[in-house]
Protein backbone atom coordinates (compact mmCIF):
# COMPACT_ATOMS: atom_id res chain seq x y z
CA UNK A 1 40.91 110.21 30.80
CA UNK A 2 43.65 107.68 31.30
CA UNK A 3 44.74 105.12 28.55
CA UNK A 4 42.16 102.51 29.91
CA UNK A 5 39.29 105.00 29.55
CA UNK A 6 38.85 105.93 33.25
CA UNK A 7 37.86 109.33 34.35
CA UNK A 8 37.97 110.57 37.95
CA UNK A 9 34.54 110.86 39.50
CA UNK A 10 35.67 114.22 40.91
CA UNK A 11 35.94 115.51 37.41
CA UNK A 12 32.36 114.65 36.57
CA UNK A 13 31.21 116.25 39.99
CA UNK A 14 32.72 119.46 38.68
CA UNK A 15 30.43 119.61 35.68
CA UNK A 16 27.97 122.49 36.01
CA UNK A 17 24.90 120.57 35.82
CA UNK A 18 26.14 117.92 38.31
CA UNK A 19 27.46 120.40 40.73
CA UNK A 20 24.06 122.09 40.69
CA UNK A 21 22.51 118.74 41.91
CA UNK A 22 25.11 117.97 44.44
CA UNK A 23 28.75 118.30 45.62
CA UNK A 24 28.68 114.97 47.38
CA UNK A 25 31.21 112.62 45.65
CA UNK A 26 29.93 109.57 47.50
CA UNK A 27 26.39 110.26 46.32
CA UNK A 28 27.50 110.53 42.68
CA UNK A 29 29.63 107.39 43.20
CA UNK A 30 26.71 105.35 44.53
CA UNK A 31 24.40 106.62 41.68
CA UNK A 32 26.94 105.72 39.02
CA UNK A 33 27.44 102.18 40.57
CA UNK A 34 23.79 101.01 39.48
CA UNK A 35 24.28 102.28 36.05
CA UNK A 36 24.29 99.92 33.04
CA UNK A 37 26.07 102.39 30.85
CA UNK A 38 29.07 103.13 32.94
CA UNK A 39 31.30 101.10 35.37
CA UNK A 40 32.79 102.32 38.54
CA UNK A 41 36.13 101.36 39.92
CA UNK A 42 37.24 103.12 43.07
CA UNK A 43 37.01 106.80 42.45
CA UNK A 44 36.93 106.38 38.66
CA UNK A 45 34.19 105.76 36.04
CA UNK A 46 34.33 104.78 32.37
CA UNK A 47 31.94 103.56 29.72
CA UNK A 48 31.04 99.86 30.23
CA UNK A 49 30.87 98.82 26.48
CA UNK A 50 33.29 100.10 23.73
CA UNK A 51 35.31 102.42 25.97
CA UNK A 52 38.25 102.03 23.79
CA UNK A 53 36.35 104.17 20.98
CA UNK A 54 36.87 107.26 23.17
CA UNK A 55 40.64 106.94 23.92
CA UNK A 56 42.68 109.52 22.12
CA UNK A 57 45.60 108.09 20.05
CA UNK A 58 49.04 108.74 21.67
CA UNK A 59 50.04 111.23 19.16
CA UNK A 60 47.14 113.49 20.14
CA UNK A 61 47.63 113.23 23.88
CA UNK A 62 48.71 116.53 25.49
CA UNK A 63 51.59 116.57 28.11
CA UNK A 64 50.51 116.45 31.59
CA UNK A 65 51.87 118.31 34.49
CA UNK A 66 51.01 117.24 38.01
CA UNK A 67 47.91 115.26 36.80
CA UNK A 68 46.51 118.28 35.10
CA UNK A 69 46.37 118.75 31.44
CA UNK A 70 48.79 121.42 30.49
CA UNK A 71 46.52 122.98 27.79
CA UNK A 72 43.73 123.15 30.47
CA UNK A 73 46.02 124.89 32.91
CA UNK A 74 47.04 127.47 30.10
CA UNK A 75 43.45 128.14 29.21
CA UNK A 76 42.51 128.71 32.96
CA UNK A 77 45.38 131.18 33.24
CA UNK A 78 44.42 133.33 30.50
CA UNK A 79 43.04 136.73 31.59
CA UNK A 80 39.78 138.12 30.24
CA UNK A 81 41.69 140.60 28.19
CA UNK A 82 43.56 137.95 26.33
CA UNK A 83 40.26 136.00 25.74
CA UNK A 84 38.54 138.95 24.20
CA UNK A 85 41.54 139.46 21.95
CA UNK A 86 41.51 135.95 20.78
């Protein structure tokens, strides 16, 4: 999520339950455009009302590397043995 509350629709498409329905980004975008809960701008989506509530304060943001959250990248790189040990 960026500092204006926008989330890439591609991220939403990666959610397990969404990906079980479709992998068609345009279909997801079209479905979201008629929503009264979220708004779509290009290839991004955010909550229509009160989106500011979901923004993390700057002190909580994690550093990003090439558009990907560093923490998420580290978690993805943990081997199964490391996960079991932790």
